[in-house]
């Protein structure tokens, strides 16, 4: 790729990621003048960072947006009220480096995305904001941008992309839209997608009936050519059968499945499969470990 084309591709990806992060924090789409301010601030921050021999950071872009004369000088004839129009955008980016989200996006990455390793895990389990998933969505947005860059390499081979606890992601429209793109373009990208959810009713968390979120979530399910169903509780069986198109025989079989057995629906064929785990796999995927391991012994404080 010619150097000029490569620099243009890097700039485009940075702008798309910057806009995605800003939309998440603001909770809305960017206005036209905010898009203009974002690309001018990115270019200005990139020039300053390159002169210092480093990669531009979110904080660099935020400083440009929070310094009206820098924005005005760089925007030339576009200046006008650009600084005022970018005020909300500036505050949104400031939250990433100085507010409650500080520590995640305010310094160079401490790890590198290596598409050559056999398995790469991105652990978001500690990003539990007591009901506020902003940090989770931002981190997943960055991870998806990393992944998409690797997947765009036509010599990258084939990969599994596995979304564990996918119900957490399906509550957010921006992440659903990214997942939809991965599902639709899977053959061209050389990937197979696997989404793991607890029950089919988790799809309802994507939005109200008729909403875009619900439609996207149900579309992901419709695009899955292989479906693996474990035993469902009685109150979940009817909705699962409806969403998955189970026959009466299949629904009855699902209700009677024992631990380790699943109904595999591959295209139009169905199989009852007993899953066998190696001891190392059983230890790795033991999600009940905290409930079953030996508990600490506390001293007996019984009076007497």
C-alpha atoms as a PDB file:
ATOM      1  CA  UNK A   1       0.000   0.000   0.000  1.00  0.00           C
ATOM      2  CA  UNK A   2       1.443   3.424  -0.916  1.00  0.00           C
ATOM      3  CA  UNK A   3       2.379   5.512   2.130  1.00  0.00           C
ATOM      4  CA  UNK A   4      -0.206   8.167   1.289  1.00  0.00           C
ATOM      5  CA  UNK A   5      -3.001   5.608   1.038  1.00  0.00           C
ATOM      6  CA  UNK A   6      -1.910   3.963   4.294  1.00  0.00           C
ATOM      7  CA  UNK A   7      -1.920   7.272   6.169  1.00  0.00           C
ATOM      8  CA  UNK A   8      -5.388   7.990   4.798  1.00  0.00           C
ATOM      9  CA  UNK A   9      -6.632   4.583   5.984  1.00  0.00           C
ATOM     10  CA  UNK A  10      -5.166   5.134   9.464  1.00  0.00           C
ATOM     11  CA  UNK A  11      -6.814   8.563   9.661  1.00  0.00           C
ATOM     12  CA  UNK A  12     -10.182   7.142   8.580  1.00  0.00           C
ATOM     13  CA  UNK A  13     -10.053   4.384  11.193  1.00  0.00           C
ATOM     14  CA  UNK A  14      -9.081   6.833  13.923  1.00  0.00           C
ATOM     15  CA  UNK A  15     -11.940   9.147  12.983  1.00  0.00           C
ATOM     16  CA  UNK A  16     -14.473   6.305  12.972  1.00  0.00           C
ATOM     17  CA  UNK A  17     -13.273   5.118  16.379  1.00  0.00           C
ATOM     18  CA  UNK A  18     -13.255   8.657  17.790  1.00  0.00           C
ATOM     19  CA  UNK A  19     -16.827   9.236  16.580  1.00  0.00           C
ATOM     20  CA  UNK A  20     -17.964   5.898  18.050  1.00  0.00           C
ATOM     21  CA  UNK A  21     -16.456   6.701  21.455  1.00  0.00           C
ATOM     22  CA  UNK A  22     -17.985  10.186  21.448  1.00  0.00           C
ATOM     23  CA  UNK A  23     -21.430   8.864  20.488  1.00  0.00           C
ATOM     24  CA  UNK A  24     -21.325   6.397  23.361  1.00  0.00           C
ATOM     25  CA  UNK A  25     -20.465   9.026  25.968  1.00  0.00           C
ATOM     26  CA  UNK A  26     -22.890  11.618  24.574  1.00  0.00           C
ATOM     27  CA  UNK A  27     -25.690   9.106  24.092  1.00  0.00           C
ATOM     28  CA  UNK A  28     -26.532  10.521  20.666  1.00  0.00           C
ATOM     29  CA  UNK A  29     -25.187  10.931  17.134  1.00  0.00           C
ATOM     30  CA  UNK A  30     -22.704  13.717  16.476  1.00  0.00           C
ATOM     31  CA  UNK A  31     -23.913  16.905  14.828  1.00  0.00           C
ATOM     32  CA  UNK A  32     -22.268  17.956  11.526  1.00  0.00           C
ATOM     33  CA  UNK A  33     -20.140  20.668  13.159  1.00  0.00           C
ATOM     34  CA  UNK A  34     -19.029  18.180  15.823  1.00  0.00           C
ATOM     35  CA  UNK A  35     -17.807  15.848  13.080  1.00  0.00           C
ATOM     36  CA  UNK A  36     -15.883  18.763  11.576  1.00  0.00           C
ATOM     37  CA  UNK A  37     -14.390  19.672  14.952  1.00  0.00           C
ATOM     38  CA  UNK A  38     -13.413  16.046  15.556  1.00  0.00           C
ATOM     39  CA  UNK A  39     -11.499  15.631  12.299  1.00  0.00           C
ATOM     40  CA  UNK A  40      -9.754  19.011  12.669  1.00  0.00           C
ATOM     41  CA  UNK A  41      -8.812  18.234  16.277  1.00  0.00           C
ATOM     42  CA  UNK A  42      -7.533  14.786  15.263  1.00  0.00           C
ATOM     43  CA  UNK A  43      -5.351  16.229  12.495  1.00  0.00           C
ATOM     44  CA  UNK A  44      -3.952  18.916  14.808  1.00  0.00           C
ATOM     45  CA  UNK A  45      -3.256  16.435  17.611  1.00  0.00           C
ATOM     46  CA  UNK A  46      -1.652  13.994  15.153  1.00  0.00           C
ATOM     47  CA  UNK A  47       0.694  16.682  13.833  1.00  0.00           C
ATOM     48  CA  UNK A  48       1.810  17.634  17.352  1.00  0.00           C
ATOM     49  CA  UNK A  49       2.228  14.008  18.457  1.00  0.00           C
ATOM     50  CA  UNK A  50       4.147  13.025  15.307  1.00  0.00           C
ATOM     51  CA  UNK A  51       6.544  15.917  15.855  1.00  0.00           C
ATOM     52  CA  UNK A  52       7.224  14.447  19.313  1.00  0.00           C
ATOM     53  CA  UNK A  53       7.686  10.938  17.931  1.00  0.00           C
ATOM     54  CA  UNK A  54       4.619   9.376  19.547  1.00  0.00           C
ATOM     55  CA  UNK A  55       1.057   8.262  18.814  1.00  0.00           C
ATOM     56  CA  UNK A  56      -1.781  10.779  19.356  1.00  0.00           C
ATOM     57  CA  UNK A  57      -3.973  10.113  22.396  1.00  0.00           C
ATOM     58  CA  UNK A  58      -7.567  10.926  23.301  1.00  0.00           C
ATOM     59  CA  UNK A  59      -6.238  13.558  25.713  1.00  0.00           C
ATOM     60  CA  UNK A  60      -4.391  15.320  22.877  1.00  0.00           C
ATOM     61  CA  UNK A  61      -7.612  15.597  20.880  1.00  0.00           C
ATOM     62  CA  UNK A  62      -9.509  16.787  23.946  1.00  0.00           C
ATOM     63  CA  UNK A  63      -6.941  19.525  24.582  1.00  0.00           C
ATOM     64  CA  UNK A  64      -7.360  20.848  21.040  1.00  0.00           C
ATOM     65  CA  UNK A  65     -11.146  20.884  21.436  1.00  0.00           C
ATOM     66  CA  UNK A  66     -10.809  22.653  24.793  1.00  0.00           C
ATOM     67  CA  UNK A  67      -8.442  25.295  23.383  1.00  0.00           C
ATOM     68  CA  UNK A  68     -10.592  27.497  21.113  1.00  0.00           C
ATOM     69  CA  UNK A  69      -7.704  29.302  19.420  1.00  0.00           C
ATOM     70  CA  UNK A  70      -6.101  25.986  18.354  1.00  0.00           C
ATOM     71  CA  UNK A  71      -9.375  24.847  16.827  1.00  0.00           C
ATOM     72  CA  UNK A  72      -9.925  28.222  15.168  1.00  0.00           C
ATOM     73  CA  UNK A  73      -6.376  28.442  13.794  1.00  0.00           C
ATOM     74  CA  UNK A  74      -6.582  24.959  12.302  1.00  0.00           C
ATOM     75  CA  UNK A  75     -10.084  25.315  10.861  1.00  0.00           C
ATOM     76  CA  UNK A  76      -9.413  28.478   8.853  1.00  0.00           C
ATOM     77  CA  UNK A  77     -12.499  29.505   6.894  1.00  0.00           C
ATOM     78  CA  UNK A  78     -14.570  26.859   8.711  1.00  0.00           C
ATOM     79  CA  UNK A  79     -13.956  28.483  12.106  1.00  0.00           C
ATOM     80  CA  UNK A  80     -17.095  30.513  12.853  1.00  0.00           C
ATOM     81  CA  UNK A  81     -18.804  29.037  15.910  1.00  0.00           C
ATOM     82  CA  UNK A  82     -16.926  25.747  15.654  1.00  0.00           C
ATOM     83  CA  UNK A  83     -15.430  26.028  19.145  1.00  0.00           C
ATOM     84  CA  UNK A  84     -18.865  26.592  20.689  1.00  0.00           C
ATOM     85  CA  UNK A  85     -20.435  23.823  18.613  1.00  0.00           C
ATOM     86  CA  UNK A  86     -17.756  21.403  19.814  1.00  0.00           C
ATOM     87  CA  UNK A  87     -18.258  22.149  23.506  1.00  0.00           C
ATOM     88  CA  UNK A  88     -20.300  19.006  24.270  1.00  0.00           C
ATOM     89  CA  UNK A  89     -17.828  16.902  22.301  1.00  0.00           C
ATOM     90  CA  UNK A  90     -14.934  18.397  24.266  1.00  0.00           C
ATOM     91  CA  UNK A  91     -16.617  17.612  27.585  1.00  0.00           C
ATOM     92  CA  UNK A  92     -17.381  14.063  26.424  1.00  0.00           C
ATOM     93  CA  UNK A  93     -13.722  13.388  25.607  1.00  0.00           C
ATOM     94  CA  UNK A  94     -12.628  15.026  28.849  1.00  0.00           C
ATOM     95  CA  UNK A  95     -14.689  12.433  30.729  1.00  0.00           C
ATOM     96  CA  UNK A  96     -12.503   9.731  29.173  1.00  0.00           C
ATOM     97  CA  UNK A  97      -9.280  11.201  30.564  1.00  0.00           C
ATOM     98  CA  UNK A  98     -10.263  13.158  33.682  1.00  0.00           C
ATOM     99  CA  UNK A  99     -13.724  11.988  34.758  1.00  0.00           C
ATOM    100  CA  UNK A 100     -15.092   8.700  36.035  1.00  0.00           C
ATOM    101  CA  UNK A 101     -13.683   6.864  32.993  1.00  0.00           C
ATOM    102  CA  UNK A 102     -10.108   8.049  33.569  1.00  0.00           C
ATOM    103  CA  UNK A 103      -7.439   5.364  33.486  1.00  0.00           C
ATOM    104  CA  UNK A 104      -8.800   3.472  30.492  1.00  0.00           C
ATOM    105  CA  UNK A 105      -8.128   5.757  27.542  1.00  0.00           C
ATOM    106  CA  UNK A 106      -5.710   8.441  28.753  1.00  0.00           C
ATOM    107  CA  UNK A 107      -2.348   6.784  27.996  1.00  0.00           C
ATOM    108  CA  UNK A 108      -0.725   4.601  25.336  1.00  0.00           C
ATOM    109  CA  UNK A 109      -1.972   1.016  25.286  1.00  0.00           C
ATOM    110  CA  UNK A 110      -0.171  -1.269  27.719  1.00  0.00           C
ATOM    111  CA  UNK A 111      -0.712  -4.281  25.471  1.00  0.00           C
ATOM    112  CA  UNK A 112      -0.466  -4.972  21.774  1.00  0.00           C
ATOM    113  CA  UNK A 113      -3.061  -6.654  19.600  1.00  0.00           C
ATOM    114  CA  UNK A 114      -1.254  -9.658  18.127  1.00  0.00           C
ATOM    115  CA  UNK A 115      -3.350 -11.331  15.414  1.00  0.00           C
ATOM    116  CA  UNK A 116      -0.739 -14.073  15.081  1.00  0.00           C
ATOM    117  CA  UNK A 117      -1.337 -15.784  18.438  1.00  0.00           C
ATOM    118  CA  UNK A 118      -3.534 -18.943  18.546  1.00  0.00           C
ATOM    119  CA  UNK A 119      -5.991 -17.470  21.059  1.00  0.00           C
ATOM    120  CA  UNK A 120      -6.540 -13.861  22.072  1.00  0.00           C
ATOM    121  CA  UNK A 121      -8.881 -13.120  24.986  1.00  0.00           C
ATOM    122  CA  UNK A 122     -10.232  -9.692  25.896  1.00  0.00           C
ATOM    123  CA  UNK A 123     -11.516  -9.903  29.473  1.00  0.00           C
ATOM    124  CA  UNK A 124     -14.194  -7.303  30.239  1.00  0.00           C
ATOM    125  CA  UNK A 125     -15.550  -9.034  33.342  1.00  0.00           C
ATOM    126  CA  UNK A 126     -14.250  -6.337  35.711  1.00  0.00           C
ATOM    127  CA  UNK A 127     -16.041  -3.562  33.825  1.00  0.00           C
ATOM    128  CA  UNK A 128     -19.184  -3.715  35.901  1.00  0.00           C
ATOM    129  CA  UNK A 129     -20.438  -0.202  36.488  1.00  0.00           C
ATOM    130  CA  UNK A 130     -23.347  -1.102  38.774  1.00  0.00           C
ATOM    131  CA  UNK A 131     -25.818  -0.625  35.945  1.00  0.00           C
ATOM    132  CA  UNK A 132     -23.723   1.823  33.885  1.00  0.00           C
ATOM    133  CA  UNK A 133     -22.155  -0.079  30.994  1.00  0.00           C
ATOM    134  CA  UNK A 134     -20.432   2.958  29.456  1.00  0.00           C
ATOM    135  CA  UNK A 135     -16.917   1.659  30.184  1.00  0.00           C
ATOM    136  CA  UNK A 136     -17.858  -1.777  28.818  1.00  0.00           C
ATOM    137  CA  UNK A 137     -19.206  -0.321  25.570  1.00  0.00           C
ATOM    138  CA  UNK A 138     -16.167   1.936  25.116  1.00  0.00           C
ATOM    139  CA  UNK A 139     -13.722  -0.912  25.735  1.00  0.00           C
ATOM    140  CA  UNK A 140     -15.619  -3.237  23.404  1.00  0.00           C
ATOM    141  CA  UNK A 141     -15.697  -0.520  20.735  1.00  0.00           C
ATOM    142  CA  UNK A 142     -11.904  -0.211  20.924  1.00  0.00           C
ATOM    143  CA  UNK A 143     -11.481  -3.997  20.897  1.00  0.00           C
ATOM    144  CA  UNK A 144     -13.747  -4.294  17.857  1.00  0.00           C
ATOM    145  CA  UNK A 145     -11.730  -1.619  16.040  1.00  0.00           C
ATOM    146  CA  UNK A 146      -8.536  -3.560  16.786  1.00  0.00           C
ATOM    147  CA  UNK A 147     -10.127  -6.779  15.585  1.00  0.00           C
ATOM    148  CA  UNK A 148     -11.535  -5.252  12.403  1.00  0.00           C
ATOM    149  CA  UNK A 149      -8.087  -3.961  11.462  1.00  0.00           C
ATOM    150  CA  UNK A 150      -6.683  -7.490  11.785  1.00  0.00           C
ATOM    151  CA  UNK A 151      -9.600  -9.100   9.949  1.00  0.00           C
ATOM    152  CA  UNK A 152      -9.225  -6.741   6.993  1.00  0.00           C
ATOM    153  CA  UNK A 153      -5.925  -8.466   6.098  1.00  0.00           C
ATOM    154  CA  UNK A 154      -6.789 -10.803   3.190  1.00  0.00           C
ATOM    155  CA  UNK A 155      -3.880 -13.089   4.173  1.00  0.00           C
ATOM    156  CA  UNK A 156      -5.033 -13.363   7.783  1.00  0.00           C
ATOM    157  CA  UNK A 157      -6.488 -16.864   7.476  1.00  0.00           C
ATOM    158  CA  UNK A 158      -9.631 -18.059   9.269  1.00  0.00           C
ATOM    159  CA  UNK A 159     -10.635 -17.263  12.840  1.00  0.00           C
ATOM    160  CA  UNK A 160     -13.317 -17.932  15.411  1.00  0.00           C
ATOM    161  CA  UNK A 161     -14.774 -14.787  16.994  1.00  0.00           C
ATOM    162  CA  UNK A 162     -16.510 -15.771  20.240  1.00  0.00           C
ATOM    163  CA  UNK A 163     -18.754 -13.443  22.237  1.00  0.00           C
ATOM    164  CA  UNK A 164     -19.141 -14.896  25.726  1.00  0.00           C
ATOM    165  CA  UNK A 165     -21.906 -13.371  27.873  1.00  0.00           C
ATOM    166  CA  UNK A 166     -23.205 -11.812  24.649  1.00  0.00           C
ATOM    167  CA  UNK A 167     -26.346 -10.603  26.431  1.00  0.00           C
ATOM    168  CA  UNK A 168     -24.293  -7.741  27.921  1.00  0.00           C
ATOM    169  CA  UNK A 169     -23.320  -6.543  24.455  1.00  0.00           C
ATOM    170  CA  UNK A 170     -26.777  -6.960  22.957  1.00  0.00           C
ATOM    171  CA  UNK A 171     -28.177  -4.256  25.241  1.00  0.00           C
ATOM    172  CA  UNK A 172     -26.260  -1.619  23.274  1.00  0.00           C
ATOM    173  CA  UNK A 173     -27.220  -0.613  19.745  1.00  0.00           C
ATOM    174  CA  UNK A 174     -23.713   0.430  18.654  1.00  0.00           C
ATOM    175  CA  UNK A 175     -22.281  -2.972  19.579  1.00  0.00           C
ATOM    176  CA  UNK A 176     -25.196  -4.797  17.963  1.00  0.00           C
ATOM    177  CA  UNK A 177     -24.549  -2.931  14.718  1.00  0.00           C
ATOM    178  CA  UNK A 178     -20.887  -3.996  14.797  1.00  0.00           C
ATOM    179  CA  UNK A 179     -21.886  -7.605  15.492  1.00  0.00           C
ATOM    180  CA  UNK A 180     -24.349  -7.510  12.601  1.00  0.00           C
ATOM    181  CA  UNK A 181     -21.564  -6.368  10.258  1.00  0.00           C
ATOM    182  CA  UNK A 182     -19.342  -9.242  11.431  1.00  0.00           C
ATOM    183  CA  UNK A 183     -22.180 -11.728  10.861  1.00  0.00           C
ATOM    184  CA  UNK A 184     -23.049 -10.398   7.393  1.00  0.00           C
ATOM    185  CA  UNK A 185     -19.432 -10.170   6.216  1.00  0.00           C
ATOM    186  CA  UNK A 186     -18.197 -13.338   7.922  1.00  0.00           C
ATOM    187  CA  UNK A 187     -17.311 -15.237   4.753  1.00  0.00           C
ATOM    188  CA  UNK A 188     -15.422 -12.321   3.266  1.00  0.00           C
ATOM    189  CA  UNK A 189     -13.568 -11.761   6.547  1.00  0.00           C
ATOM    190  CA  UNK A 190     -12.782 -15.452   6.987  1.00  0.00           C
ATOM    191  CA  UNK A 191     -14.445 -15.693  10.403  1.00  0.00           C
ATOM    192  CA  UNK A 192     -17.028 -17.821  12.178  1.00  0.00           C
ATOM    193  CA  UNK A 193     -18.993 -16.011  14.900  1.00  0.00           C
ATOM    194  CA  UNK A 194     -20.229 -17.639  18.105  1.00  0.00           C
ATOM    195  CA  UNK A 195     -22.507 -15.787  20.546  1.00  0.00           C
ATOM    196  CA  UNK A 196     -23.165 -17.324  23.970  1.00  0.00           C
ATOM    197  CA  UNK A 197     -26.305 -16.288  25.865  1.00  0.00           C
ATOM    198  CA  UNK A 198     -28.068 -17.767  28.886  1.00  0.00           C
ATOM    199  CA  UNK A 199     -31.552 -17.899  27.420  1.00  0.00           C
ATOM    200  CA  UNK A 200     -33.368 -16.700  24.334  1.00  0.00           C
ATOM    201  CA  UNK A 201     -35.295 -14.101  26.316  1.00  0.00           C
ATOM    202  CA  UNK A 202     -31.965 -12.249  26.681  1.00  0.00           C
ATOM    203  CA  UNK A 203     -32.651 -11.035  23.148  1.00  0.00           C
ATOM    204  CA  UNK A 204     -35.565  -9.035  24.532  1.00  0.00           C
ATOM    205  CA  UNK A 205     -33.086  -6.824  26.411  1.00  0.00           C
ATOM    206  CA  UNK A 206     -31.960  -5.462  23.044  1.00  0.00           C
ATOM    207  CA  UNK A 207     -35.045  -3.229  22.882  1.00  0.00           C
ATOM    208  CA  UNK A 208     -38.792  -3.025  22.747  1.00  0.00           C
ATOM    209  CA  UNK A 209     -40.769  -4.924  20.121  1.00  0.00           C
ATOM    210  CA  UNK A 210     -40.374  -3.157  16.786  1.00  0.00           C
ATOM    211  CA  UNK A 211     -37.227  -1.293  17.845  1.00  0.00           C
ATOM    212  CA  UNK A 212     -34.036  -1.359  15.793  1.00  0.00           C
ATOM    213  CA  UNK A 213     -32.177  -3.046  18.647  1.00  0.00           C
ATOM    214  CA  UNK A 214     -34.676  -5.907  18.852  1.00  0.00           C
ATOM    215  CA  UNK A 215     -34.645  -6.303  15.072  1.00  0.00           C
ATOM    216  CA  UNK A 216     -30.838  -6.487  15.022  1.00  0.00           C
ATOM    217  CA  UNK A 217     -30.733  -9.056  17.835  1.00  0.00           C
ATOM    218  CA  UNK A 218     -33.337 -11.255  16.173  1.00  0.00           C
ATOM    219  CA  UNK A 219     -31.492 -10.815  12.872  1.00  0.00           C
ATOM    220  CA  UNK A 220     -28.299 -12.173  14.442  1.00  0.00           C
ATOM    221  CA  UNK A 221     -30.216 -15.243  15.554  1.00  0.00           C
ATOM    222  CA  UNK A 222     -31.729 -15.695  12.097  1.00  0.00           C
ATOM    223  CA  UNK A 223     -28.256 -15.491  10.531  1.00  0.00           C
ATOM    224  CA  UNK A 224     -26.896 -18.297  12.742  1.00  0.00           C
ATOM    225  CA  UNK A 225     -26.770 -21.452  10.634  1.00  0.00           C
ATOM    226  CA  UNK A 226     -25.781 -23.605  13.629  1.00  0.00           C
ATOM    227  CA  UNK A 227     -27.640 -23.352  16.935  1.00  0.00           C
ATOM    228  CA  UNK A 228     -26.683 -25.199  20.109  1.00  0.00           C
ATOM    229  CA  UNK A 229     -29.412 -25.364  22.757  1.00  0.00           C
ATOM    230  CA  UNK A 230     -28.969 -26.696  26.266  1.00  0.00           C
ATOM    231  CA  UNK A 231     -31.789 -27.524  28.672  1.00  0.00           C
ATOM    232  CA  UNK A 232     -34.244 -24.665  29.096  1.00  0.00           C
ATOM    233  CA  UNK A 233     -36.358 -23.964  32.137  1.00  0.00           C
ATOM    234  CA  UNK A 234     -40.057 -24.688  31.706  1.00  0.00           C
ATOM    235  CA  UNK A 235     -40.991 -20.990  31.653  1.00  0.00           C
ATOM    236  CA  UNK A 236     -38.435 -20.340  28.882  1.00  0.00           C
ATOM    237  CA  UNK A 237     -39.218 -23.309  26.673  1.00  0.00           C
ATOM    238  CA  UNK A 238     -42.143 -21.854  24.723  1.00  0.00           C
ATOM    239  CA  UNK A 239     -40.344 -18.626  23.780  1.00  0.00           C
ATOM    240  CA  UNK A 240     -37.164 -20.554  22.911  1.00  0.00           C
ATOM    241  CA  UNK A 241     -39.128 -22.928  20.691  1.00  0.00           C
ATOM    242  CA  UNK A 242     -40.797 -20.005  18.935  1.00  0.00           C
ATOM    243  CA  UNK A 243     -37.593 -18.033  18.327  1.00  0.00           C
ATOM    244  CA  UNK A 244     -35.624 -21.093  17.222  1.00  0.00           C
ATOM    245  CA  UNK A 245     -38.397 -22.744  15.239  1.00  0.00           C
ATOM    246  CA  UNK A 246     -38.199 -25.983  17.235  1.00  0.00           C
ATOM    247  CA  UNK A 247     -40.563 -28.798  16.395  1.00  0.00           C
ATOM    248  CA  UNK A 248     -42.637 -30.370  19.154  1.00  0.00           C
ATOM    249  CA  UNK A 249     -40.228 -33.302  19.291  1.00  0.00           C
ATOM    250  CA  UNK A 250     -37.200 -30.999  19.528  1.00  0.00           C
ATOM    251  CA  UNK A 251     -38.802 -28.882  22.260  1.00  0.00           C
ATOM    252  CA  UNK A 252     -39.592 -32.002  24.270  1.00  0.00           C
ATOM    253  CA  UNK A 253     -36.004 -33.214  23.841  1.00  0.00           C
ATOM    254  CA  UNK A 254     -34.616 -29.861  25.041  1.00  0.00           C
ATOM    255  CA  UNK A 255     -36.738 -29.991  28.181  1.00  0.00           C
ATOM    256  CA  UNK A 256     -35.245 -33.395  29.061  1.00  0.00           C
ATOM    257  CA  UNK A 257     -31.570 -32.646  28.368  1.00  0.00           C
ATOM    258  CA  UNK A 258     -29.108 -33.458  31.140  1.00  0.00           C
ATOM    259  CA  UNK A 259     -25.925 -31.564  32.000  1.00  0.00           C
ATOM    260  CA  UNK A 260     -23.418 -31.719  29.168  1.00  0.00           C
ATOM    261  CA  UNK A 261     -25.975 -32.574  26.508  1.00  0.00           C
ATOM    262  CA  UNK A 262     -27.199 -30.172  23.865  1.00  0.00           C
ATOM    263  CA  UNK A 263     -29.463 -30.098  20.843  1.00  0.00           C
ATOM    264  CA  UNK A 264     -27.485 -29.087  17.779  1.00  0.00           C
ATOM    265  CA  UNK A 265     -29.515 -27.658  14.897  1.00  0.00           C
ATOM    266  CA  UNK A 266     -27.283 -27.564  11.832  1.00  0.00           C
ATOM    267  CA  UNK A 267     -29.207 -26.075   8.928  1.00  0.00           C
ATOM    268  CA  UNK A 268     -32.298 -28.331   8.707  1.00  0.00           C
ATOM    269  CA  UNK A 269     -30.838 -31.262  10.669  1.00  0.00           C
ATOM    270  CA  UNK A 270     -30.898 -31.879  14.436  1.00  0.00           C
ATOM    271  CA  UNK A 271     -28.634 -33.924  16.706  1.00  0.00           C
ATOM    272  CA  UNK A 272     -28.493 -34.654  20.437  1.00  0.00           C
ATOM    273  CA  UNK A 273     -24.818 -34.306  21.369  1.00  0.00           C
ATOM    274  CA  UNK A 274     -22.977 -35.299  24.535  1.00  0.00           C
ATOM    275  CA  UNK A 275     -20.136 -32.852  25.105  1.00  0.00           C
ATOM    276  CA  UNK A 276     -16.956 -34.313  26.588  1.00  0.00           C
ATOM    277  CA  UNK A 277     -14.330 -32.125  28.272  1.00  0.00           C
ATOM    278  CA  UNK A 278     -10.707 -32.888  28.994  1.00  0.00           C
ATOM    279  CA  UNK A 279      -9.785 -32.315  32.650  1.00  0.00           C
ATOM    280  CA  UNK A 280      -7.859 -29.174  31.672  1.00  0.00           C
ATOM    281  CA  UNK A 281     -10.880 -27.849  29.792  1.00  0.00           C
ATOM    282  CA  UNK A 282     -13.181 -28.619  32.715  1.00  0.00           C
ATOM    283  CA  UNK A 283     -10.938 -26.592  35.039  1.00  0.00           C
ATOM    284  CA  UNK A 284     -10.688 -23.718  32.554  1.00  0.00           C
ATOM    285  CA  UNK A 285     -14.431 -23.437  32.010  1.00  0.00           C
ATOM    286  CA  UNK A 286     -15.564 -24.124  35.590  1.00  0.00           C
ATOM    287  CA  UNK A 287     -17.836 -21.133  36.175  1.00  0.00           C
ATOM    288  CA  UNK A 288     -18.942 -22.568  39.535  1.00  0.00           C
ATOM    289  CA  UNK A 289     -15.431 -22.592  41.009  1.00  0.00           C
ATOM    290  CA  UNK A 290     -16.092 -19.785  43.454  1.00  0.00           C
ATOM    291  CA  UNK A 291     -19.160 -21.581  44.792  1.00  0.00           C
ATOM    292  CA  UNK A 292     -17.491 -24.970  45.170  1.00  0.00           C
ATOM    293  CA  UNK A 293     -13.925 -24.268  46.299  1.00  0.00           C
ATOM    294  CA  UNK A 294     -13.045 -24.597  49.985  1.00  0.00           C
ATOM    295  CA  UNK A 295     -14.162 -21.562  51.960  1.00  0.00           C
ATOM    296  CA  UNK A 296     -11.865 -19.835  54.493  1.00  0.00           C
ATOM    297  CA  UNK A 297     -12.303 -20.982  58.062  1.00  0.00           C
ATOM    298  CA  UNK A 298     -13.262 -18.268  60.505  1.00  0.00           C
ATOM    299  CA  UNK A 299     -12.508 -18.525  64.242  1.00  0.00           C
ATOM    300  CA  UNK A 300     -15.318 -19.717  66.459  1.00  0.00           C
ATOM    301  CA  UNK A 301     -16.639 -16.670  68.308  1.00  0.00           C
ATOM    302  CA  UNK A 302     -19.470 -18.477  70.066  1.00  0.00           C
ATOM    303  CA  UNK A 303     -19.776 -17.123  73.644  1.00  0.00           C
ATOM    304  CA  UNK A 304     -18.851 -19.534  76.345  1.00  0.00           C
END
